[in-house]
Amino acid sequence: MHATESLATHARVRSSDPFVVGHRGACAYRPEHTIASYELAIDMGADLIEPDIVVTSDGALVARHENELSRTTDVATRPEFADRRTTRRVGRKRRTGWFAEDFTLAELRTLRAVERHPDLRPLNTAYDGHFGVLTLEEVVEVARRRSTPQRQVRVLAELKKPSWSAERGQPMTELVAAELRRLDAAAPDGPVVLQSFDTAGLRRLRADLGDDGPTMFQLVDRTAPDDHLLTHAGLRAVSTYAQGIAPSVDRILLRDAEDRMTGVSDLVTRAHRAGLSVVPWTLAAENTFLPLHLRSSEDPSAPGDALGAARLLLALGVDGVITDNPDVVVAARAELQSAPTRAVAA
């Protein structure tokens, strides 16, 4: 069975109503990857919550934006960990800081989360130090606890550089597969959906967990190295192991070098023809993230017209939206759902 057949038979990803993914929770309003952020996203109506997953030195799967910890925790203020600061090449980038793979889970439990964008989201700094680091299991528990017979809340887990981790002796894909089986979360319509930029990692997981394994999305960056994934041949290849693509929103809402919107692409239509769902990332309300015509001012942190961007994405037929502001996309979806009623009433 191919992945596209698995989607049609099992996974409830494609539907008439697009789904809303709370990116790292509702990280426009609370520090990312905290229980407060995930809970708020669900309260706002998100159908899925999205943790990024990295690996500790003892093989635990934890929710952090990346393996470097200083931007999202207070590790830099902890004298007991001062000697862990190091410089390391991660993928194409050389980074200096504190890295999750140098800490045990017990050590990470002592750290407290902080706002990653304090200049952009200063109100979130009021929550600095209030919350700890969560494991994948704990995020799944949040989704299960908040699910009801009428509304299933799921987890869209992004695996951060699994092939890089494997090269360092931390087999992330094997750890994830084992954890999903342990949590009884490895079915196509189960509580966990997987995504990654790492094509090889997703292919390994598909081979390990089988065609009746969890739903998967291939993440697609905005940069040229990922162009091949979006050719006709590339989309067909993705459909052999994944049920959807999660492209940068800039792959759909096209911009020039000055951030002026120049048009829309045909990616949604082409991906659907290949049997793939389309779930773009990341819609955020601050001006700095929006096309020029949707900005409210020159203040990069001021809210712009994210609702307008959400309306456009939904009108183009995306199957879901990954967003820092779940409430905005939920509002746009409600407008879409009520449009036929308004037309009849008129």
Protein backbone atom coordinates (compact mmCIF):
# COMPACT_ATOMS: atom_id res chain seq x y z
CA MET A 1 0.00 0.00 0.00
CA HIS A 2 1.36 3.41 -0.94
CA ALA A 3 1.12 6.39 1.37
CA THR A 4 -1.54 8.00 -0.81
CA GLU A 5 -3.68 4.87 -0.52
CA SER A 6 -3.12 4.85 3.24
CA LEU A 7 -4.38 8.44 3.39
CA ALA A 8 -7.57 7.66 1.53
CA THR A 9 -8.24 4.52 3.57
CA HIS A 10 -7.29 5.57 7.08
CA ALA A 11 -6.11 9.08 7.88
CA ARG A 12 -8.56 11.84 8.57
CA VAL A 13 -6.35 14.61 7.26
CA ARG A 14 -8.15 15.73 4.12
CA SER A 15 -11.65 16.99 4.85
CA SER A 16 -14.06 19.68 3.77
CA ASP A 17 -13.00 21.81 6.74
CA PRO A 18 -9.36 22.89 6.87
CA PHE A 19 -7.67 22.19 10.17
CA VAL A 20 -5.78 24.62 12.38
CA VAL A 21 -2.34 23.77 13.79
CA GLY A 22 -1.13 25.67 16.84
CA HIS A 23 2.53 26.24 15.99
CA ARG A 24 4.48 25.37 19.15
CA GLY A 25 1.11 25.97 20.79
CA ALA A 26 -0.19 29.52 20.63
CA CYS A 27 3.30 30.98 20.68
CA ALA A 28 2.19 34.49 19.74
CA TYR A 29 0.66 34.69 23.23
CA ARG A 30 2.72 32.38 25.47
CA PRO A 31 6.34 31.16 25.36
CA GLU A 32 6.57 28.36 22.83
CA HIS A 33 6.49 24.67 23.73
CA THR A 34 5.09 25.31 27.21
CA ILE A 35 1.99 23.65 28.56
CA ALA A 36 0.39 27.12 28.74
CA SER A 37 1.02 27.63 25.02
CA TYR A 38 -0.40 24.24 24.04
CA GLU A 39 -3.44 24.60 26.29
CA LEU A 40 -4.18 28.08 24.95
CA ALA A 41 -3.98 26.86 21.36
CA ILE A 42 -6.55 24.18 22.12
CA ASP A 43 -8.75 26.71 23.91
CA MET A 44 -8.58 28.90 20.79
CA GLY A 45 -9.82 26.05 18.63
CA ALA A 46 -6.66 24.44 17.24
CA ASP A 47 -7.17 20.91 15.96
CA LEU A 48 -3.49 20.02 16.33
CA ILE A 49 -0.67 21.30 18.51
CA GLU A 50 2.84 21.31 17.06
CA PRO A 51 5.93 20.50 19.14
CA ASP A 52 9.42 20.45 17.68
CA ILE A 53 11.27 17.36 18.90
CA VAL A 54 14.95 17.03 19.81
CA VAL A 55 16.87 14.26 21.61
CA THR A 56 18.66 14.36 24.97
CA SER A 57 21.89 12.54 25.79
CA ASP A 58 19.91 9.70 27.38
CA GLY A 59 17.56 9.31 24.42
CA ALA A 60 14.53 11.24 25.68
CA LEU A 61 12.37 13.08 23.14
CA VAL A 62 11.72 16.64 24.29
CA ALA A 63 9.86 19.64 22.88
CA ARG A 64 12.26 22.48 21.98
CA HIS A 65 12.46 24.70 18.91
CA GLU A 66 15.98 23.41 18.20
CA ASN A 67 18.72 21.52 19.98
CA GLU A 68 20.43 24.80 21.02
CA LEU A 69 18.74 25.76 24.28
CA SER A 70 19.78 29.30 25.19
CA ARG A 71 17.07 31.12 23.23
CA THR A 72 14.17 29.20 24.80
CA THR A 73 15.37 28.35 28.32
CA ASP A 74 17.31 29.98 31.15
CA VAL A 75 20.30 27.64 30.70
CA ALA A 76 22.70 30.56 30.13
CA THR A 77 21.99 31.82 33.67
CA ARG A 78 22.72 28.48 35.32
CA PRO A 79 26.30 28.37 36.69
CA GLU A 80 26.14 24.60 37.10
CA PHE A 81 25.92 24.27 33.32
CA ALA A 82 28.45 26.95 32.32
CA ASP A 83 30.97 24.32 31.21
CA ARG A 84 28.47 22.82 28.75
CA ARG A 85 28.65 25.89 26.49
CA THR A 86 30.26 24.88 23.22
CA THR A 87 30.40 25.55 19.49
CA ARG A 88 28.99 22.95 17.13
CA ARG A 89 28.05 22.68 13.49
CA VAL A 90 24.40 21.66 13.14
CA GLY A 91 23.51 21.01 9.53
CA ARG A 92 24.83 23.97 7.51
CA LYS A 93 25.14 26.30 10.51
CA ARG A 94 27.82 26.72 13.14
CA ARG A 95 26.22 27.51 16.50
CA THR A 96 27.52 28.42 19.95
CA GLY A 97 25.48 27.64 23.03
CA TRP A 98 24.08 24.78 25.06
CA PHE A 99 22.78 21.73 23.21
CA ALA A 100 20.07 19.28 24.23
CA GLU A 101 22.19 16.27 23.27
CA ASP A 102 24.68 17.24 26.02
CA PHE A 103 22.00 17.09 28.75
CA THR A 104 20.05 14.28 30.35
CA LEU A 105 16.29 14.59 30.66
CA ALA A 106 16.67 15.04 34.43
CA GLU A 107 19.00 18.00 33.83
CA LEU A 108 16.62 19.58 31.32
CA ARG A 109 13.82 19.24 33.87
CA THR A 110 15.65 21.81 36.00
CA LEU A 111 15.52 24.47 33.27
CA ARG A 112 12.70 26.98 32.81
CA ALA A 113 11.25 28.18 29.52
CA VAL A 114 11.64 31.77 28.30
CA GLU A 115 10.21 33.74 25.38
CA ARG A 116 12.28 33.21 22.20
CA HIS A 117 11.32 36.60 20.67
CA PRO A 118 11.35 39.06 23.61
CA ASP A 119 11.68 42.11 21.35
CA LEU A 120 8.85 41.00 19.09
CA ARG A 121 6.58 39.60 21.81
CA PRO A 122 7.47 41.45 25.00
CA LEU A 123 4.20 40.57 26.75
CA ASN A 124 5.20 36.91 26.67
CA THR A 125 8.21 37.61 28.86
CA ALA A 126 5.80 37.90 31.80
CA TYR A 127 5.66 34.09 31.66
CA ASP A 128 9.44 33.56 31.64
CA GLY A 129 10.47 31.02 34.25
CA HIS A 130 6.95 29.74 34.91
CA PHE A 131 7.09 26.54 32.87
CA GLY A 132 9.45 23.64 32.32
CA VAL A 133 10.54 21.46 29.41
CA LEU A 134 8.03 18.86 28.19
CA THR A 135 8.57 15.46 26.63
CA LEU A 136 6.76 14.22 23.54
CA GLU A 137 4.79 11.88 25.79
CA GLU A 138 3.59 14.80 27.89
CA VAL A 139 2.47 16.75 24.82
CA VAL A 140 0.52 13.70 23.62
CA GLU A 141 -1.04 13.47 27.07
CA VAL A 142 -2.23 17.08 26.77
CA ALA A 143 -3.88 16.31 23.42
CA ARG A 144 -5.52 13.15 24.73
CA ARG A 145 -6.74 14.84 27.90
CA ARG A 146 -8.31 17.69 25.91
CA SER A 147 -9.90 15.45 23.27
CA THR A 148 -13.61 14.63 23.37
CA PRO A 149 -15.82 12.33 21.29
CA GLN A 150 -16.84 15.41 19.30
CA ARG A 151 -13.34 16.84 18.89
CA GLN A 152 -10.07 14.95 18.57
CA VAL A 153 -7.01 17.04 19.36
CA ARG A 154 -3.86 15.69 17.74
CA VAL A 155 -0.13 16.36 17.87
CA LEU A 156 1.86 17.39 14.79
CA ALA A 157 5.40 16.52 15.88
CA GLU A 158 8.23 18.05 13.89
CA LEU A 159 11.41 15.97 14.06
CA LYS A 160 14.46 18.22 14.09
CA LYS A 161 17.35 16.90 11.97
CA PRO A 162 16.93 13.15 12.60
CA SER A 163 19.68 12.20 10.14
CA TRP A 164 22.13 14.60 11.84
CA SER A 165 21.20 13.09 15.21
CA ALA A 166 21.76 9.58 13.86
CA GLU A 167 25.26 10.56 12.71
CA ARG A 168 26.00 11.52 16.33
CA GLY A 169 24.82 8.16 17.66
CA GLN A 170 21.29 9.27 18.58
CA PRO A 171 18.90 7.35 16.31
CA MET A 172 15.96 9.74 16.49
CA THR A 173 13.76 7.88 14.03
CA GLU A 174 14.17 4.63 15.95
CA LEU A 175 13.44 6.41 19.22
CA VAL A 176 10.34 8.06 17.75
CA ALA A 177 9.03 4.81 16.27
CA ALA A 178 9.50 3.01 19.58
CA GLU A 179 7.85 5.83 21.51
CA LEU A 180 4.82 5.96 19.22
CA ARG A 181 4.34 2.21 19.60
CA ARG A 182 4.69 2.49 23.39
CA LEU A 183 2.11 5.28 23.46
CA ASP A 184 -0.25 3.38 21.13
CA ALA A 185 0.07 6.36 18.79
CA ALA A 186 1.39 4.80 15.58
CA ALA A 187 -1.86 4.49 13.61
CA PRO A 188 -2.73 6.74 10.62
CA ASP A 189 -5.66 8.28 12.49
CA GLY A 190 -3.96 8.21 15.88
CA PRO A 191 -3.02 11.15 18.08
CA VAL A 192 0.35 11.86 16.41
CA VAL A 193 1.15 13.15 12.93
CA LEU A 194 4.85 13.47 11.98
CA GLN A 195 6.65 16.04 9.87
CA SER A 196 10.25 16.89 9.07
CA PHE A 197 12.42 18.68 6.54
CA ASP A 198 14.57 15.54 6.59
CA THR A 199 13.37 13.41 3.67
CA ALA A 200 15.64 10.50 4.54
CA GLY A 201 14.38 10.50 8.11
CA LEU A 202 10.74 10.36 7.02
CA ARG A 203 11.50 7.54 4.60
CA ARG A 204 13.16 5.57 7.41
CA LEU A 205 10.13 6.07 9.62
CA ARG A 206 7.77 4.95 6.85
CA ALA A 207 9.85 1.82 6.33
CA ASP A 208 9.93 1.15 10.09
CA LEU A 209 6.28 1.88 10.88
CA GLY A 210 4.81 0.68 7.58
CA ASP A 211 2.16 2.02 5.25
CA ASP A 212 -0.36 1.71 8.08
CA GLY A 213 1.82 3.86 10.28
CA PRO A 214 1.20 7.48 11.26
CA THR A 215 0.30 10.23 8.84
CA MET A 216 3.37 12.18 7.69
CA PHE A 217 4.02 15.57 6.10
CA GLN A 218 7.13 16.54 4.18
CA LEU A 219 8.21 20.00 5.28
CA VAL A 220 9.41 22.23 2.43
CA ASP A 221 11.59 25.27 3.03
CA ARG A 222 11.34 28.49 1.04
CA THR A 223 14.91 28.16 -0.24
CA ALA A 224 16.18 26.72 -3.52
CA PRO A 225 17.57 23.41 -2.15
CA ASP A 226 13.97 22.25 -1.60
CA ASP A 227 12.73 23.22 -5.09
CA HIS A 228 13.04 19.62 -6.31
CA LEU A 229 10.40 18.46 -3.83
CA LEU A 230 7.77 20.59 -5.58
CA THR A 231 8.30 19.48 -9.15
CA HIS A 232 5.75 17.04 -10.55
CA ALA A 233 8.23 14.20 -10.06
CA GLY A 234 9.11 15.44 -6.59
CA LEU A 235 5.50 15.52 -5.45
CA ARG A 236 4.93 12.01 -6.78
CA ALA A 237 8.01 10.84 -4.89
CA VAL A 238 6.75 12.46 -1.67
CA SER A 239 3.44 10.65 -2.07
CA THR A 240 5.22 7.28 -1.73
CA TYR A 241 6.04 7.91 1.94
CA ALA A 242 3.98 10.92 3.11
CA GLN A 243 0.36 12.01 2.98
CA GLY A 244 1.03 15.70 2.61
CA ILE A 245 3.44 18.57 2.23
CA ALA A 246 3.96 21.42 4.67
CA PRO A 247 5.52 24.17 2.56
CA SER A 248 6.56 27.63 3.60
CA VAL A 249 3.62 29.98 3.10
CA ASP A 250 5.93 31.91 0.74
CA ARG A 251 5.69 28.97 -1.67
CA ILE A 252 1.98 29.79 -2.06
CA LEU A 253 1.72 33.55 -1.45
CA LEU A 254 4.56 34.77 -3.62
CA ARG A 255 6.65 37.82 -2.70
CA ASP A 256 9.45 39.84 -4.24
CA ALA A 257 12.63 40.99 -2.49
CA GLU A 258 10.77 43.97 -0.96
CA ASP A 259 8.06 41.67 0.49
CA ARG A 260 5.48 42.88 -2.02
CA MET A 261 3.07 40.10 -2.89
CA THR A 262 3.39 39.27 -6.56
CA GLY A 263 0.75 36.57 -6.94
CA VAL A 264 -0.14 33.06 -5.88
CA SER A 265 1.34 29.78 -7.03
CA ASP A 266 -0.40 26.68 -8.33
CA LEU A 267 1.20 24.48 -5.67
CA VAL A 268 -2.03 23.60 -3.87
CA THR A 269 -3.64 22.35 -7.08
CA ARG A 270 -0.57 20.39 -8.17
CA ALA A 271 -0.11 18.77 -4.75
CA HIS A 272 -3.76 17.76 -4.60
CA ARG A 273 -3.41 16.14 -8.02
CA ALA A 274 -0.56 14.09 -6.55
CA GLY A 275 -2.83 12.99 -3.71
CA LEU A 276 -1.14 15.16 -1.12
CA SER A 277 -2.59 17.47 1.52
CA VAL A 278 -1.13 20.98 1.76
CA VAL A 279 -0.52 22.53 5.19
CA PRO A 280 1.59 25.71 4.92
CA TRP A 281 3.71 27.22 7.69
CA THR A 282 3.81 29.64 9.48
CA LEU A 283 1.11 32.29 9.56
CA ALA A 284 1.91 34.89 12.25
CA ALA A 285 0.16 38.16 12.92
CA GLU A 286 3.09 40.54 13.43
CA ASN A 287 3.92 42.87 10.54
CA THR A 288 7.39 41.44 10.11
CA PHE A 289 5.95 38.09 8.99
CA LEU A 290 3.34 39.42 6.55
CA PRO A 291 3.43 40.64 2.95
CA LEU A 292 3.83 44.38 2.66
CA HIS A 293 0.21 45.14 1.73
CA LEU A 294 -1.05 43.34 4.86
CA ARG A 295 1.13 45.29 7.30
CA SER A 296 -0.50 47.89 9.50
CA SER A 297 2.59 50.08 10.00
CA GLU A 298 6.38 50.07 9.89
CA ASP A 299 6.52 48.64 13.42
CA PRO A 300 7.67 45.03 12.94
CA SER A 301 5.99 43.85 16.15
CA ALA A 302 2.60 45.48 15.55
CA PRO A 303 -0.25 43.22 14.40
CA GLY A 304 -1.05 43.33 10.71
CA ASP A 305 -3.87 41.77 8.71
CA ALA A 306 -3.17 38.10 9.41
CA LEU A 307 -6.89 37.43 9.02
CA GLY A 308 -6.64 38.59 5.40
CA ALA A 309 -3.72 36.23 4.79
CA ALA A 310 -5.63 33.36 6.40
CA ARG A 311 -8.67 34.06 4.24
CA LEU A 312 -6.53 33.95 1.11
CA LEU A 313 -4.84 30.67 2.05
CA LEU A 314 -8.18 29.03 2.81
CA ALA A 315 -9.68 30.37 -0.42
CA LEU A 316 -6.81 28.74 -2.31
CA GLY A 317 -7.84 25.37 -0.88
CA VAL A 318 -5.15 24.53 1.66
CA ASP A 319 -6.04 21.61 3.92
CA GLY A 320 -4.74 23.25 7.06
CA VAL A 321 -2.65 26.16 8.32
CA ILE A 322 0.21 26.10 10.81
CA THR A 323 -0.01 29.32 12.79
CA ASP A 324 1.35 31.19 15.80
CA ASN A 325 -2.15 32.71 16.15
CA PRO A 326 -4.70 29.88 16.16
CA ASP A 327 -7.55 32.27 16.98
CA VAL A 328 -6.99 34.16 13.72
CA VAL A 329 -7.18 31.09 11.50
CA VAL A 330 -10.14 29.70 13.46
CA ALA A 331 -11.95 33.00 12.77
CA ALA A 332 -11.15 32.81 9.05
CA ARG A 333 -12.36 29.21 8.93
CA ALA A 334 -15.60 30.18 10.65
CA GLU A 335 -16.18 32.81 7.96
CA LEU A 336 -15.58 30.19 5.29
CA GLN A 337 -17.96 27.74 6.93
CA SER A 338 -20.71 30.34 7.27
CA ALA A 339 -20.38 31.76 3.74
CA PRO A 340 -23.01 29.47 2.13
CA THR A 341 -25.48 30.33 4.89
CA ARG A 342 -24.94 34.04 4.30
CA ALA A 343 -25.39 33.57 0.57
CA VAL A 344 -28.72 31.75 1.06
CA ALA A 345 -29.93 34.35 3.55
CA ALA A 346 -29.12 37.13 1.08
